[in-house]
Amino acid sequence: MNDFGLLMIDFQRDFCARGGYSDLCGGLDWVLPILPNAIRLLEEAREAGAFIVHTREGYAPDLSDCPPVRVERSRKAGGEYGSQGPLGRLMIRGEYGHDFVDELQPLPGETVLDKNTYGAFAKSDLEKLLKEKGVRRLAIAGVTADVCVHTTLREAADRGFDCYYVRDAISTFDPEIRRACELMVNQEGGIWGQLVTVEEIASLWRAV
């Protein structure tokens, strides 16, 4: 089991709670149904002894580490980064909305990776950390499927990790795009990894 890792990508209040960025942009109907699955996945990973990393997307209060084009995109989407929302300034590190939802808070000893990129590997030492921990197989869950999850999945596959895309603990605003993200994983014999459910990955962990 010590070669398995779990990436819990961006289960933050800004993406998963009322009053956060995603709620302001398009509501939460797309994400609330997967939260019980994500909770179970995290519990199973802890029980199995997987190396767990929780990621958070966020930016400095002055937005100096956020590309202007990203701020403009967020404005068009309905939740401008840095603007004041019910959970604090949207997508700003240190604000209430930037932190993880209560049900998916990391335990002491679990790794938290703060990032100002969509991919978790791009500007971090995540690859080095995973390899130091002996991780070869990587289960991935989180939001959103087409942005931070798929970017991180592709980065991981490019770095040689055997990836497991936990489909019922991953979502995005548009159900058609969510399905397309799943279909892409399986192309060319599983170019980006394997599609699994929480039950399937948990069964694999129990069998190791």
C-alpha atoms as a PDB file:
ATOM      1  CA  MET A   1       0.000   0.000   0.000  1.00  0.00           C
ATOM      2  CA  ASN A   2       2.939   2.335   0.554  1.00  0.00           C
ATOM      3  CA  ASP A   3       3.210   3.066  -3.179  1.00  0.00           C
ATOM      4  CA  PHE A   4      -0.278   4.652  -3.308  1.00  0.00           C
ATOM      5  CA  GLY A   5      -0.987   8.358  -2.977  1.00  0.00           C
ATOM      6  CA  LEU A   6      -4.215  10.336  -3.005  1.00  0.00           C
ATOM      7  CA  LEU A   7      -4.556  13.873  -4.344  1.00  0.00           C
ATOM      8  CA  MET A   8      -7.603  15.714  -2.996  1.00  0.00           C
ATOM      9  CA  ILE A   9      -7.798  18.671  -5.349  1.00  0.00           C
ATOM     10  CA  ASP A  10      -9.299  21.973  -4.215  1.00  0.00           C
ATOM     11  CA  PHE A  11     -12.149  20.838  -1.964  1.00  0.00           C
ATOM     12  CA  GLN A  12     -12.338  24.429  -0.728  1.00  0.00           C
ATOM     13  CA  ARG A  13     -15.315  26.439   0.477  1.00  0.00           C
ATOM     14  CA  ASP A  14     -14.867  28.738  -2.511  1.00  0.00           C
ATOM     15  CA  PHE A  15     -15.678  25.786  -4.764  1.00  0.00           C
ATOM     16  CA  CYS A  16     -17.940  23.658  -2.569  1.00  0.00           C
ATOM     17  CA  ALA A  17     -19.882  25.886  -0.138  1.00  0.00           C
ATOM     18  CA  ARG A  18     -22.704  28.413  -0.272  1.00  0.00           C
ATOM     19  CA  GLY A  19     -21.436  31.932  -0.923  1.00  0.00           C
ATOM     20  CA  GLY A  20     -18.149  30.851  -2.482  1.00  0.00           C
ATOM     21  CA  TYR A  21     -16.757  31.471  -5.942  1.00  0.00           C
ATOM     22  CA  SER A  22     -18.509  28.537  -7.616  1.00  0.00           C
ATOM     23  CA  ASP A  23     -21.844  29.296  -5.992  1.00  0.00           C
ATOM     24  CA  LEU A  24     -21.698  32.858  -7.318  1.00  0.00           C
ATOM     25  CA  CYS A  25     -20.731  31.669 -10.804  1.00  0.00           C
ATOM     26  CA  GLY A  26     -23.241  28.887 -11.314  1.00  0.00           C
ATOM     27  CA  GLY A  27     -24.526  27.331  -8.134  1.00  0.00           C
ATOM     28  CA  LEU A  28     -23.512  24.116  -6.409  1.00  0.00           C
ATOM     29  CA  ASP A  29     -25.766  21.460  -7.928  1.00  0.00           C
ATOM     30  CA  TRP A  30     -22.759  20.013  -9.750  1.00  0.00           C
ATOM     31  CA  VAL A  31     -20.555  19.583  -6.680  1.00  0.00           C
ATOM     32  CA  LEU A  32     -22.726  18.851  -3.637  1.00  0.00           C
ATOM     33  CA  PRO A  33     -23.623  15.309  -4.811  1.00  0.00           C
ATOM     34  CA  ILE A  34     -19.970  14.208  -4.936  1.00  0.00           C
ATOM     35  CA  LEU A  35     -19.000  15.429  -1.467  1.00  0.00           C
ATOM     36  CA  PRO A  36     -20.207  12.272   0.356  1.00  0.00           C
ATOM     37  CA  ASN A  37     -18.145  10.216  -2.087  1.00  0.00           C
ATOM     38  CA  ALA A  38     -15.098  12.393  -1.482  1.00  0.00           C
ATOM     39  CA  ILE A  39     -15.542  12.012   2.273  1.00  0.00           C
ATOM     40  CA  ARG A  40     -15.683   8.237   1.957  1.00  0.00           C
ATOM     41  CA  LEU A  41     -12.668   8.222  -0.369  1.00  0.00           C
ATOM     42  CA  LEU A  42     -10.616  10.180   2.132  1.00  0.00           C
ATOM     43  CA  GLU A  43     -11.670   7.895   4.971  1.00  0.00           C
ATOM     44  CA  GLU A  44     -10.742   4.801   2.950  1.00  0.00           C
ATOM     45  CA  ALA A  45      -7.357   6.273   2.020  1.00  0.00           C
ATOM     46  CA  ARG A  46      -6.596   7.016   5.644  1.00  0.00           C
ATOM     47  CA  GLU A  47      -7.578   3.518   6.674  1.00  0.00           C
ATOM     48  CA  ALA A  48      -5.371   2.042   3.952  1.00  0.00           C
ATOM     49  CA  GLY A  49      -2.370   4.204   4.798  1.00  0.00           C
ATOM     50  CA  ALA A  50      -2.120   6.073   1.488  1.00  0.00           C
ATOM     51  CA  PHE A  51       0.014   9.203   1.345  1.00  0.00           C
ATOM     52  CA  ILE A  52      -2.508  12.051   1.183  1.00  0.00           C
ATOM     53  CA  VAL A  53      -2.047  15.515  -0.324  1.00  0.00           C
ATOM     54  CA  HIS A  54      -4.716  18.238  -0.175  1.00  0.00           C
ATOM     55  CA  THR A  55      -4.374  21.119  -2.645  1.00  0.00           C
ATOM     56  CA  ARG A  56      -5.792  24.651  -2.506  1.00  0.00           C
ATOM     57  CA  GLU A  57      -5.908  27.177  -5.313  1.00  0.00           C
ATOM     58  CA  GLY A  58      -5.511  30.753  -4.101  1.00  0.00           C
ATOM     59  CA  TYR A  59      -3.763  34.049  -4.574  1.00  0.00           C
ATOM     60  CA  ALA A  60      -2.027  36.817  -2.642  1.00  0.00           C
ATOM     61  CA  PRO A  61      -4.253  39.621  -1.278  1.00  0.00           C
ATOM     62  CA  ASP A  62      -2.871  42.054  -3.878  1.00  0.00           C
ATOM     63  CA  LEU A  63      -3.285  39.447  -6.657  1.00  0.00           C
ATOM     64  CA  SER A  64       0.362  39.923  -7.581  1.00  0.00           C
ATOM     65  CA  ASP A  65       0.692  36.185  -8.268  1.00  0.00           C
ATOM     66  CA  CYS A  66      -2.504  35.943 -10.330  1.00  0.00           C
ATOM     67  CA  PRO A  67      -2.305  36.637 -14.074  1.00  0.00           C
ATOM     68  CA  PRO A  68      -4.549  39.571 -15.051  1.00  0.00           C
ATOM     69  CA  VAL A  69      -6.180  37.420 -17.712  1.00  0.00           C
ATOM     70  CA  ARG A  70      -7.308  35.037 -14.978  1.00  0.00           C
ATOM     71  CA  VAL A  71      -8.875  37.864 -12.979  1.00  0.00           C
ATOM     72  CA  GLU A  72     -10.691  39.057 -16.100  1.00  0.00           C
ATOM     73  CA  ARG A  73     -11.932  35.548 -16.859  1.00  0.00           C
ATOM     74  CA  SER A  74     -13.274  35.192 -13.315  1.00  0.00           C
ATOM     75  CA  ARG A  75     -15.064  38.520 -13.635  1.00  0.00           C
ATOM     76  CA  LYS A  76     -16.827  37.325 -16.779  1.00  0.00           C
ATOM     77  CA  ALA A  77     -17.780  34.102 -14.992  1.00  0.00           C
ATOM     78  CA  GLY A  78     -19.516  36.041 -12.219  1.00  0.00           C
ATOM     79  CA  GLY A  79     -17.044  35.711  -9.348  1.00  0.00           C
ATOM     80  CA  GLU A  80     -14.129  38.067  -9.818  1.00  0.00           C
ATOM     81  CA  TYR A  81     -11.038  36.918  -7.944  1.00  0.00           C
ATOM     82  CA  GLY A  82     -10.297  39.248  -5.058  1.00  0.00           C
ATOM     83  CA  SER A  83     -13.822  40.667  -4.862  1.00  0.00           C
ATOM     84  CA  GLN A  84     -15.723  40.534  -1.580  1.00  0.00           C
ATOM     85  CA  GLY A  85     -18.101  37.620  -1.141  1.00  0.00           C
ATOM     86  CA  PRO A  86     -20.062  36.083   1.731  1.00  0.00           C
ATOM     87  CA  LEU A  87     -17.050  33.911   2.656  1.00  0.00           C
ATOM     88  CA  GLY A  88     -14.464  36.682   2.346  1.00  0.00           C
ATOM     89  CA  ARG A  89     -12.534  37.843  -0.696  1.00  0.00           C
ATOM     90  CA  LEU A  90     -12.896  35.258  -3.432  1.00  0.00           C
ATOM     91  CA  MET A  91      -9.925  32.928  -3.996  1.00  0.00           C
ATOM     92  CA  ILE A  92      -7.593  34.839  -1.691  1.00  0.00           C
ATOM     93  CA  ARG A  93      -5.247  32.883   0.555  1.00  0.00           C
ATOM     94  CA  GLY A  94      -6.123  33.210   4.218  1.00  0.00           C
ATOM     95  CA  GLU A  95      -9.796  34.019   3.648  1.00  0.00           C
ATOM     96  CA  TYR A  96     -12.491  31.735   5.053  1.00  0.00           C
ATOM     97  CA  GLY A  97     -13.554  30.650   1.582  1.00  0.00           C
ATOM     98  CA  HIS A  98     -10.023  29.632   0.649  1.00  0.00           C
ATOM     99  CA  ASP A  99      -9.911  26.887   3.265  1.00  0.00           C
ATOM    100  CA  PHE A 100     -11.213  23.346   2.906  1.00  0.00           C
ATOM    101  CA  VAL A 101     -14.821  22.445   3.633  1.00  0.00           C
ATOM    102  CA  ASP A 102     -15.264  21.185   7.185  1.00  0.00           C
ATOM    103  CA  GLU A 103     -15.927  17.582   6.164  1.00  0.00           C
ATOM    104  CA  LEU A 104     -12.675  17.320   4.194  1.00  0.00           C
ATOM    105  CA  GLN A 105     -10.231  19.099   6.480  1.00  0.00           C
ATOM    106  CA  PRO A 106      -6.748  17.539   6.530  1.00  0.00           C
ATOM    107  CA  LEU A 107      -5.648  15.631   9.604  1.00  0.00           C
ATOM    108  CA  PRO A 108      -2.362  16.482  11.332  1.00  0.00           C
ATOM    109  CA  GLY A 109       0.465  15.031   9.287  1.00  0.00           C
ATOM    110  CA  GLU A 110      -1.344  15.186   5.952  1.00  0.00           C
ATOM    111  CA  THR A 111       0.263  17.431   3.349  1.00  0.00           C
ATOM    112  CA  VAL A 112      -1.380  20.699   2.281  1.00  0.00           C
ATOM    113  CA  LEU A 113      -0.166  22.220  -0.983  1.00  0.00           C
ATOM    114  CA  ASP A 114      -1.128  25.814  -1.740  1.00  0.00           C
ATOM    115  CA  LYS A 115      -0.902  26.703  -5.409  1.00  0.00           C
ATOM    116  CA  ASN A 116      -1.524  29.675  -7.682  1.00  0.00           C
ATOM    117  CA  THR A 117      -1.733  27.425 -10.730  1.00  0.00           C
ATOM    118  CA  TYR A 118      -4.372  25.055 -12.059  1.00  0.00           C
ATOM    119  CA  GLY A 119      -1.971  22.103 -12.031  1.00  0.00           C
ATOM    120  CA  ALA A 120      -0.592  20.940  -8.691  1.00  0.00           C
ATOM    121  CA  PHE A 121       2.849  20.069 -10.112  1.00  0.00           C
ATOM    122  CA  ALA A 122       3.617  23.208 -12.118  1.00  0.00           C
ATOM    123  CA  LYS A 123       5.258  25.433  -9.491  1.00  0.00           C
ATOM    124  CA  SER A 124       5.653  23.032  -6.589  1.00  0.00           C
ATOM    125  CA  ASP A 125       7.893  20.244  -5.327  1.00  0.00           C
ATOM    126  CA  LEU A 126       4.992  17.765  -5.444  1.00  0.00           C
ATOM    127  CA  GLU A 127       6.778  15.349  -7.772  1.00  0.00           C
ATOM    128  CA  LYS A 128       9.832  15.258  -5.513  1.00  0.00           C
ATOM    129  CA  LEU A 129       7.674  14.787  -2.423  1.00  0.00           C
ATOM    130  CA  LEU A 130       5.663  11.919  -3.913  1.00  0.00           C
ATOM    131  CA  LYS A 131       8.779  10.126  -5.111  1.00  0.00           C
ATOM    132  CA  GLU A 132      10.461  10.571  -1.741  1.00  0.00           C
ATOM    133  CA  LYS A 133       7.407   8.883  -0.183  1.00  0.00           C
ATOM    134  CA  GLY A 134       7.651   6.012  -2.655  1.00  0.00           C
ATOM    135  CA  VAL A 135       4.397   6.859  -4.427  1.00  0.00           C
ATOM    136  CA  ARG A 136       4.012   5.259  -7.845  1.00  0.00           C
ATOM    137  CA  ARG A 137       0.226   4.951  -8.063  1.00  0.00           C
ATOM    138  CA  LEU A 138      -1.869   8.080  -7.642  1.00  0.00           C
ATOM    139  CA  ALA A 139      -5.606   8.349  -7.062  1.00  0.00           C
ATOM    140  CA  ILE A 140      -7.032  11.748  -7.985  1.00  0.00           C
ATOM    141  CA  ALA A 141     -10.287  13.376  -6.865  1.00  0.00           C
ATOM    142  CA  GLY A 142     -11.511  16.953  -6.742  1.00  0.00           C
ATOM    143  CA  VAL A 143     -12.844  19.963  -8.586  1.00  0.00           C
ATOM    144  CA  THR A 144     -13.159  21.038 -11.230  1.00  0.00           C
ATOM    145  CA  ALA A 145     -12.814  18.123 -13.632  1.00  0.00           C
ATOM    146  CA  ASP A 146     -11.855  20.159 -16.674  1.00  0.00           C
ATOM    147  CA  VAL A 147      -9.536  22.649 -14.987  1.00  0.00           C
ATOM    148  CA  CYS A 148      -7.465  21.778 -11.925  1.00  0.00           C
ATOM    149  CA  VAL A 149      -8.216  18.041 -11.896  1.00  0.00           C
ATOM    150  CA  HIS A 150      -7.416  17.309 -15.536  1.00  0.00           C
ATOM    151  CA  THR A 151      -4.426  19.648 -15.551  1.00  0.00           C
ATOM    152  CA  THR A 152      -2.988  17.842 -12.527  1.00  0.00           C
ATOM    153  CA  LEU A 153      -3.865  14.418 -13.957  1.00  0.00           C
ATOM    154  CA  ARG A 154      -1.958  15.156 -17.136  1.00  0.00           C
ATOM    155  CA  GLU A 155       1.008  16.549 -15.230  1.00  0.00           C
ATOM    156  CA  ALA A 156       1.090  13.388 -13.109  1.00  0.00           C
ATOM    157  CA  ALA A 157       0.837  11.054 -16.101  1.00  0.00           C
ATOM    158  CA  ASP A 158       3.611  12.979 -17.876  1.00  0.00           C
ATOM    159  CA  ARG A 159       5.808  12.385 -14.836  1.00  0.00           C
ATOM    160  CA  GLY A 160       5.254   8.646 -14.945  1.00  0.00           C
ATOM    161  CA  PHE A 161       2.687   8.141 -12.190  1.00  0.00           C
ATOM    162  CA  ASP A 162       0.083   5.405 -12.635  1.00  0.00           C
ATOM    163  CA  CYS A 163      -3.091   7.471 -12.247  1.00  0.00           C
ATOM    164  CA  TYR A 164      -6.560   6.516 -11.046  1.00  0.00           C
ATOM    165  CA  TYR A 165      -9.277   9.043 -11.894  1.00  0.00           C
ATOM    166  CA  VAL A 166     -11.957   8.639  -9.209  1.00  0.00           C
ATOM    167  CA  ARG A 167     -14.914   9.595 -11.353  1.00  0.00           C
ATOM    168  CA  ASP A 168     -17.630   9.751  -8.682  1.00  0.00           C
ATOM    169  CA  ALA A 169     -15.506  12.098  -6.551  1.00  0.00           C
ATOM    170  CA  ILE A 170     -14.784  14.513  -9.423  1.00  0.00           C
ATOM    171  CA  SER A 171     -17.133  17.009 -11.038  1.00  0.00           C
ATOM    172  CA  THR A 172     -17.516  20.281 -12.909  1.00  0.00           C
ATOM    173  CA  PHE A 173     -20.253  22.752 -13.787  1.00  0.00           C
ATOM    174  CA  ASP A 174     -21.384  21.160 -17.073  1.00  0.00           C
ATOM    175  CA  PRO A 175     -22.324  17.452 -17.020  1.00  0.00           C
ATOM    176  CA  GLU A 176     -21.329  17.044 -20.664  1.00  0.00           C
ATOM    177  CA  ILE A 177     -17.858  18.384 -19.949  1.00  0.00           C
ATOM    178  CA  ARG A 178     -17.622  16.122 -16.905  1.00  0.00           C
ATOM    179  CA  ARG A 179     -18.390  13.132 -19.121  1.00  0.00           C
ATOM    180  CA  ALA A 180     -15.916  14.303 -21.763  1.00  0.00           C
ATOM    181  CA  CYS A 181     -13.194  14.491 -19.116  1.00  0.00           C
ATOM    182  CA  GLU A 182     -13.898  10.888 -18.187  1.00  0.00           C
ATOM    183  CA  LEU A 183     -13.851   9.750 -21.814  1.00  0.00           C
ATOM    184  CA  MET A 184     -10.471  11.397 -22.399  1.00  0.00           C
ATOM    185  CA  VAL A 185      -8.876   9.371 -19.609  1.00  0.00           C
ATOM    186  CA  ASN A 186      -9.592   6.097 -21.403  1.00  0.00           C
ATOM    187  CA  GLN A 187      -8.316   7.096 -24.836  1.00  0.00           C
ATOM    188  CA  GLU A 188      -5.452   5.111 -26.393  1.00  0.00           C
ATOM    189  CA  GLY A 189      -5.593   2.361 -23.815  1.00  0.00           C
ATOM    190  CA  GLY A 190      -5.838   4.738 -20.875  1.00  0.00           C
ATOM    191  CA  ILE A 191      -3.463   7.497 -21.897  1.00  0.00           C
ATOM    192  CA  TRP A 192      -4.175   9.501 -18.721  1.00  0.00           C
ATOM    193  CA  GLY A 193      -4.835   6.565 -16.391  1.00  0.00           C
ATOM    194  CA  GLN A 194      -7.754   4.429 -15.287  1.00  0.00           C
ATOM    195  CA  LEU A 195     -11.341   5.382 -14.545  1.00  0.00           C
ATOM    196  CA  VAL A 196     -12.469   4.065 -11.148  1.00  0.00           C
ATOM    197  CA  THR A 197     -15.198   4.655  -8.608  1.00  0.00           C
ATOM    198  CA  VAL A 198     -14.661   5.193  -4.899  1.00  0.00           C
ATOM    199  CA  GLU A 199     -15.765   1.618  -4.271  1.00  0.00           C
ATOM    200  CA  GLU A 200     -13.358   0.251  -6.876  1.00  0.00           C
ATOM    201  CA  ILE A 201     -10.324   2.118  -5.564  1.00  0.00           C
ATOM    202  CA  ALA A 202     -11.249   1.260  -1.973  1.00  0.00           C
ATOM    203  CA  SER A 203     -11.498  -2.426  -2.922  1.00  0.00           C
ATOM    204  CA  LEU A 204      -8.065  -2.205  -4.530  1.00  0.00           C
ATOM    205  CA  TRP A 205      -6.613  -0.649  -1.393  1.00  0.00           C
ATOM    206  CA  ARG A 206      -8.159  -3.322   0.810  1.00  0.00           C
ATOM    207  CA  ALA A 207      -6.668  -6.053  -1.364  1.00  0.00           C
ATOM    208  CA  VAL A 208      -3.115  -4.723  -1.177  1.00  0.00           C
END
